[in-house]
Every structure is written in C-alpha cells, then in structure tokens.
Amino acid sequence: MAAVWPDVVGQAVAGGEVEVRIYNINEMHAGSLEITAREGTRITGGRTNVGNLSLVVAEDGRSAVSSRAINGWGAAGASAWVTLQVDPDAATGSVLAGGQGRVINSVGVPNMVISIAVEVLGAPEITQHPQDVSVVEGQGAVLSAAASGHPAPTVQWQTSTDAGTSWVDIAGATGAEFSIDDARLAMDGTLYRAIFTNNAGTAVTESARLSVREVRYLNLSVRPIVRLVDTL
C-alpha cells in the first residue's frame, strides 16, 4: 500500500500562480516522481533541491516527471517545488482539488502519494464607500464601509488631517463601522477611509469628510403686552 503524504494546498487568485512544495518530513521512498495537475490548473514550472535532477513539464502543463529515479524522496532527501497556474475563470473561493504527486518504484508501483489542491483567492473589492457626514459640535457620527473578497478581508480605518496628503491608522478601528462619539470643531475637515486586506491584495475606499458646525443659540426676549379693558 502506498504511503500517503500530507495534503498540499496552495493559494492563488484566478489567473495567478502558486508554487507548492512536495515533501514528506517523516519518510523517504525511492523512485521517479510523477505529478499531475487537476483540471482548472496547469503546471508551468518545477524544480528540486538535487543538483543533477530536474522536473520535465509536459507541453500542455497537465503533468511533470523527474528526469530520473532517486533513492530518497522525502525526509532528509529530495523534495520538489511545482508552480501551478489557476485558470482565469476559476470561481473565487473554490478549492481545485484532485492534483496528485506519486513516487513510482522500479516495478511501476506508486509507493508514495500526495494530494495537491489550490484554493482560489479573491482580492478585496470595495462594495460600500463611506459617505461625507455633517454634524453639530458635540454630536456623534457613524461611517460605514464594506468589501468582498476571499478569504474575508480585514479592515483598518485611517484618518487624515492634511487633506489626504498623509494617513494614520486609528487604533482599534477594525470593524465595518467607525463611530465618532463627540465631534469637535477642531475635527472639521478631517478625512476618513477604510483599507481592506486579505492574502490576495488590498483595496482602499474613497475618503469621507467630516464637517462640524458650531452650536448656535437663539436668544429670545419676551415683551409682555398689557391691555386695559373698561368694565361696565
């Protein structure tokens, strides 16, 4: 029965590439290494850590084989790195499983098998930008932003007090909403934006401007009117 190596899962965006390592830290086996790519991926390159050993990639990218057999795949012996390219139309969030690596012994029997898969990532895309907000001094305000992506992106709010020339992270502002509890006149004109990040990239929202108006009090004076009415 063939020994099973731990599964290898790489990550790449649709149309992108990822290099995965085919290796086993616990066992060594002898033979030729054969690798096949799952539909939706293709092999674009391969390398090993053995100087006189190479991986030969088929023209269609569906397979790769070692240039010769070796006594010592895995453990402290030889390992291989294979570059897989994901089809441009691969669905974000899908896992393209079914690729395989095998060490074939001298009688043509696989004595080691590894499963190879690629998770298709999606870079963040902004789906909601924060909007400008105007408040009276002392009031609060809430800014909202959202983005799609796989894996789900994290968010960091930033602020700028120089019209967007420089930006500073706001400590603890890592949610879809950012609250301003007590707007001050000194905050008038401050800009805010959100940055969304995951393993595939980063996306930045448009900036939103905070306008703070001074509280104006209306002074009213009451002048009493006295009317004299004759009595009959």
Foldseek 3Di string as FASTA:
>chain_A
DAAEAEAWEAEEAAQAKDKIKAAAQPDWAKAKKKKFDFPQKFWDAKQKPDDVKGWAADPVRGMIIIPTIDGTGHRPGMMMIIMMGGHNPDDAQDKRWDIKMFGADPVGHTRYMYIYIYHHWFWKDWPDWWAADEEEFFAKDKTFTAIDIPPGWWKWKWKDPPQPPDIDTDPPPTDRMDMDHGDHQSQAFMKMWMWTDDPHGIDIHDIYGYHYHYDDDDDDDDDDDDDDDDDD
